Protein backbone atom coordinates (compact mmCIF):
# COMPACT_ATOMS: atom_id res chain seq x y z
CA MET A 1 30.84 7.66 21.69
CA GLN A 2 28.51 4.65 21.25
CA ARG A 3 27.95 3.03 17.89
CA ARG A 4 24.80 1.18 16.94
CA LEU A 5 23.33 -0.42 13.87
CA MET A 6 20.07 1.37 13.49
CA TYR A 7 17.08 2.11 10.96
CA ILE A 8 16.79 5.61 9.86
CA GLU A 9 13.87 7.07 8.02
CA LYS A 10 13.09 10.60 6.91
CA GLY A 11 9.56 11.65 8.18
CA THR A 12 9.43 15.24 7.07
CA GLY A 13 7.57 15.86 3.91
CA TYR A 14 6.81 12.11 3.51
CA ASN A 15 4.01 9.64 4.85
CA HIS A 16 5.87 6.54 6.03
CA ASP A 17 7.77 6.29 2.47
CA GLY A 18 10.78 8.59 2.94
CA PRO A 19 14.14 7.76 2.25
CA ALA A 20 15.41 5.03 4.69
CA TRP A 21 18.72 3.54 5.63
CA ILE A 22 20.21 0.80 7.74
CA GLY A 23 23.49 1.92 9.04
CA TYR A 24 25.75 2.89 11.81
CA VAL A 25 24.76 5.65 14.07
CA ASP A 26 27.08 7.21 16.54
CA PHE A 27 25.60 8.59 19.96
CA SER A 28 27.02 11.14 22.19
CA ARG A 29 27.78 9.82 25.84
CA THR A 30 24.42 11.14 26.96
CA GLY A 31 22.50 9.70 24.08
CA ARG A 32 20.91 13.03 23.18
CA LYS A 33 22.92 13.67 19.99
CA ALA A 34 23.23 11.28 17.32
CA TYR A 35 25.52 11.27 14.18
CA PHE A 36 24.66 9.82 10.68
CA ASN A 37 25.72 10.30 7.28
CA GLY A 38 27.57 13.50 8.15
CA GLN A 39 24.38 15.00 9.84
CA ALA A 40 23.82 15.65 13.54
CA PHE A 41 20.58 14.95 15.10
CA SER A 42 18.94 16.06 18.50
CA CYS A 43 17.14 12.87 19.76
CA SER A 44 14.00 12.39 21.99
CA LYS A 45 12.95 8.82 22.37
CA ARG A 46 12.44 7.51 18.78
CA PHE A 47 12.64 10.69 16.88
CA GLY A 48 15.58 12.83 15.95
CA ARG A 49 15.68 16.19 14.47
CA CYS A 50 18.51 17.40 12.08
CA ALA A 51 20.39 20.16 13.65
CA GLU A 52 21.03 21.72 10.25
CA THR A 53 17.70 21.40 8.40
CA GLY A 54 15.32 20.88 11.25
CA ASP A 55 13.90 17.81 9.41
CA GLN A 56 12.49 15.00 11.66
CA TYR A 57 13.85 11.39 11.27
CA TRP A 58 12.67 8.04 12.64
CA LEU A 59 15.41 6.16 14.59
CA SER A 60 14.98 2.54 15.68
CA GLY A 61 16.56 -0.61 16.08
CA VAL A 62 17.14 -3.16 13.27
CA LYS A 63 14.34 -5.80 13.10
CA LYS A 64 15.56 -9.17 12.55
CA ARG A 65 12.25 -10.12 10.51
CA GLY A 66 12.95 -7.21 8.19
CA MET A 67 9.86 -5.16 9.13
CA ASN A 68 11.47 -1.93 9.59
CA ARG A 69 9.24 0.29 7.71
CA HIS A 70 5.79 1.20 8.95
CA VAL A 71 2.87 -1.34 7.86
CA PHE A 72 1.75 1.40 5.21
CA GLY A 73 5.25 2.30 4.14
CA HIS A 74 7.26 1.20 1.14
CA GLY A 75 10.39 1.85 -0.74
CA LYS A 76 13.87 0.78 -0.81
CA ILE A 77 16.16 0.67 2.34
CA LEU A 78 19.69 1.56 1.59
CA VAL A 79 22.39 -0.21 3.58
CA PRO A 80 25.82 1.29 3.06
CA ARG A 81 28.78 -0.96 2.37
CA ASP A 82 30.55 -0.52 5.89
CA ALA A 83 27.21 -1.98 7.51
CA LEU A 84 26.30 -4.62 5.18
CA ALA A 85 28.06 -7.57 6.65
CA ASP A 86 26.87 -6.96 10.12
CA PHE A 87 23.32 -6.36 8.71
CA LEU A 88 23.36 -9.78 6.95
CA ALA A 89 24.79 -11.51 9.99
CA LEU A 90 21.67 -10.16 12.07
CA LYS A 91 19.37 -11.29 9.45
CA GLY A 92 20.82 -14.79 9.37
């Protein structure tokens, strides 16, 4: 599996201000399945759909300048403890 530090935001039921995380996402060999926080997602381009609930999530790379949320979005972005050191190193 391939592991990457990614930005994840729940889109279903929210308007650019859903719960958001920056953490490690594991991808299958083909890249069509992603795994984060105990959930499996089927991926297509930048979106992932939770296999269990059907909710849609936005998956993207982490931006160095900190502009991960949409321009109209707001709210806290949670960073799990295991990803914090790599996130801070990326931010400088």
